[in-house]
């Protein structure tokens, strides 16, 4: 197996893990929203989007928050590994 194939397979594993983690965040947000706690207030993502404390709203908030934060971290790792790692 060459390094190119190993790199592609590794990127696929990371992509699948990313989707799984974001999906879990959405499921947990939906579970929290479906409990129907009385004291929940609307939440905001970076002050740009406001999500209501419904199952769909909290699932979207969880997926957006985890997806963006984890996505930025992964993009930084890819950038550094491609540009600053010695051959």
C-alpha atoms as a PDB file:
ATOM      1  CA  UNK A   1       0.000   0.000   0.000  1.00  0.00           C
ATOM      2  CA  UNK A   2       1.370   3.414  -0.910  1.00  0.00           C
ATOM      3  CA  UNK A   3       1.295   6.541   1.209  1.00  0.00           C
ATOM      4  CA  UNK A   4      -1.246   8.121  -1.132  1.00  0.00           C
ATOM      5  CA  UNK A   5      -3.761   5.333  -0.569  1.00  0.00           C
ATOM      6  CA  UNK A   6      -3.160   5.385   3.180  1.00  0.00           C
ATOM      7  CA  UNK A   7      -3.724   9.152   3.226  1.00  0.00           C
ATOM      8  CA  UNK A   8      -6.988   8.837   1.334  1.00  0.00           C
ATOM      9  CA  UNK A   9      -8.201   6.041   3.613  1.00  0.00           C
ATOM     10  CA  UNK A  10      -7.245   8.073   6.683  1.00  0.00           C
ATOM     11  CA  UNK A  11      -9.163  11.083   5.391  1.00  0.00           C
ATOM     12  CA  UNK A  12     -12.230   8.895   4.850  1.00  0.00           C
ATOM     13  CA  UNK A  13     -12.056   7.618   8.423  1.00  0.00           C
ATOM     14  CA  UNK A  14     -11.794  11.166   9.752  1.00  0.00           C
ATOM     15  CA  UNK A  15     -14.720  12.277   7.561  1.00  0.00           C
ATOM     16  CA  UNK A  16     -16.887   9.405   8.803  1.00  0.00           C
ATOM     17  CA  UNK A  17     -15.971  10.167  12.425  1.00  0.00           C
ATOM     18  CA  UNK A  18     -16.804  13.841  11.832  1.00  0.00           C
ATOM     19  CA  UNK A  19     -20.261  12.932  10.515  1.00  0.00           C
ATOM     20  CA  UNK A  20     -20.842  10.527  13.418  1.00  0.00           C
ATOM     21  CA  UNK A  21     -19.867  13.104  16.061  1.00  0.00           C
ATOM     22  CA  UNK A  22     -22.029  15.818  14.484  1.00  0.00           C
ATOM     23  CA  UNK A  23     -24.943  13.360  14.265  1.00  0.00           C
ATOM     24  CA  UNK A  24     -24.556  12.457  17.934  1.00  0.00           C
ATOM     25  CA  UNK A  25     -24.598  16.159  18.821  1.00  0.00           C
ATOM     26  CA  UNK A  26     -27.830  16.538  16.880  1.00  0.00           C
ATOM     27  CA  UNK A  27     -29.404  13.514  18.554  1.00  0.00           C
ATOM     28  CA  UNK A  28     -28.466  14.767  22.017  1.00  0.00           C
ATOM     29  CA  UNK A  29     -29.827  18.223  21.196  1.00  0.00           C
ATOM     30  CA  UNK A  30     -33.092  16.675  20.054  1.00  0.00           C
ATOM     31  CA  UNK A  31     -33.257  14.570  23.215  1.00  0.00           C
ATOM     32  CA  UNK A  32     -32.721  17.606  25.436  1.00  0.00           C
ATOM     33  CA  UNK A  33     -35.312  19.560  23.469  1.00  0.00           C
ATOM     34  CA  UNK A  34     -37.857  16.749  23.665  1.00  0.00           C
ATOM     35  CA  UNK A  35     -37.619  16.582  27.458  1.00  0.00           C
ATOM     36  CA  UNK A  36     -39.340  19.950  27.501  1.00  0.00           C
ATOM     37  CA  UNK A  37     -37.614  21.604  30.427  1.00  0.00           C
ATOM     38  CA  UNK A  38     -39.391  24.790  31.476  1.00  0.00           C
ATOM     39  CA  UNK A  39     -36.363  27.002  32.061  1.00  0.00           C
ATOM     40  CA  UNK A  40     -34.792  26.626  28.625  1.00  0.00           C
ATOM     41  CA  UNK A  41     -34.294  29.871  26.732  1.00  0.00           C
ATOM     42  CA  UNK A  42     -33.437  30.505  23.112  1.00  0.00           C
ATOM     43  CA  UNK A  43     -29.751  30.012  22.340  1.00  0.00           C
ATOM     44  CA  UNK A  44     -27.653  31.931  19.872  1.00  0.00           C
ATOM     45  CA  UNK A  45     -24.776  30.732  17.711  1.00  0.00           C
ATOM     46  CA  UNK A  46     -22.069  33.398  17.444  1.00  0.00           C
ATOM     47  CA  UNK A  47     -24.772  36.036  17.756  1.00  0.00           C
ATOM     48  CA  UNK A  48     -25.865  35.309  14.186  1.00  0.00           C
ATOM     49  CA  UNK A  49     -28.594  32.681  14.449  1.00  0.00           C
ATOM     50  CA  UNK A  50     -31.021  32.124  17.305  1.00  0.00           C
ATOM     51  CA  UNK A  51     -32.340  28.634  17.968  1.00  0.00           C
ATOM     52  CA  UNK A  52     -35.534  28.040  19.914  1.00  0.00           C
ATOM     53  CA  UNK A  53     -35.572  25.367  22.654  1.00  0.00           C
ATOM     54  CA  UNK A  54     -37.506  22.821  20.596  1.00  0.00           C
ATOM     55  CA  UNK A  55     -36.194  19.389  19.632  1.00  0.00           C
ATOM     56  CA  UNK A  56     -35.429  20.562  16.096  1.00  0.00           C
ATOM     57  CA  UNK A  57     -33.950  23.869  17.267  1.00  0.00           C
ATOM     58  CA  UNK A  58     -31.622  22.305  19.818  1.00  0.00           C
ATOM     59  CA  UNK A  59     -30.610  19.552  17.399  1.00  0.00           C
ATOM     60  CA  UNK A  60     -29.707  22.193  14.818  1.00  0.00           C
ATOM     61  CA  UNK A  61     -27.834  24.198  17.449  1.00  0.00           C
ATOM     62  CA  UNK A  62     -25.838  21.158  18.567  1.00  0.00           C
ATOM     63  CA  UNK A  63     -24.993  20.128  15.029  1.00  0.00           C
ATOM     64  CA  UNK A  64     -24.041  23.667  14.038  1.00  0.00           C
ATOM     65  CA  UNK A  65     -21.898  24.288  17.105  1.00  0.00           C
ATOM     66  CA  UNK A  66     -20.041  20.981  17.003  1.00  0.00           C
ATOM     67  CA  UNK A  67     -19.822  20.970  13.218  1.00  0.00           C
ATOM     68  CA  UNK A  68     -18.282  24.413  12.950  1.00  0.00           C
ATOM     69  CA  UNK A  69     -15.908  24.105  15.896  1.00  0.00           C
ATOM     70  CA  UNK A  70     -14.712  20.620  14.975  1.00  0.00           C
ATOM     71  CA  UNK A  71     -14.606  21.532  11.279  1.00  0.00           C
ATOM     72  CA  UNK A  72     -12.371  24.544  11.900  1.00  0.00           C
ATOM     73  CA  UNK A  73     -10.042  22.434  14.047  1.00  0.00           C
ATOM     74  CA  UNK A  74      -9.839  19.728  11.380  1.00  0.00           C
ATOM     75  CA  UNK A  75      -9.184  22.260   8.637  1.00  0.00           C
ATOM     76  CA  UNK A  76      -6.338  23.754  10.677  1.00  0.00           C
ATOM     77  CA  UNK A  77      -4.814  20.299  11.190  1.00  0.00           C
ATOM     78  CA  UNK A  78      -5.045  19.539   7.465  1.00  0.00           C
ATOM     79  CA  UNK A  79      -3.496  22.899   6.572  1.00  0.00           C
ATOM     80  CA  UNK A  80      -0.591  22.477   8.978  1.00  0.00           C
ATOM     81  CA  UNK A  81       0.036  18.855   8.013  1.00  0.00           C
ATOM     82  CA  UNK A  82       0.130  19.697   4.315  1.00  0.00           C
ATOM     83  CA  UNK A  83       2.282  22.815   4.592  1.00  0.00           C
ATOM     84  CA  UNK A  84       4.588  22.398   7.572  1.00  0.00           C
ATOM     85  CA  UNK A  85       5.405  18.703   7.877  1.00  0.00           C
ATOM     86  CA  UNK A  86       8.894  17.726   6.695  1.00  0.00           C
ATOM     87  CA  UNK A  87       9.043  15.239   3.847  1.00  0.00           C
END
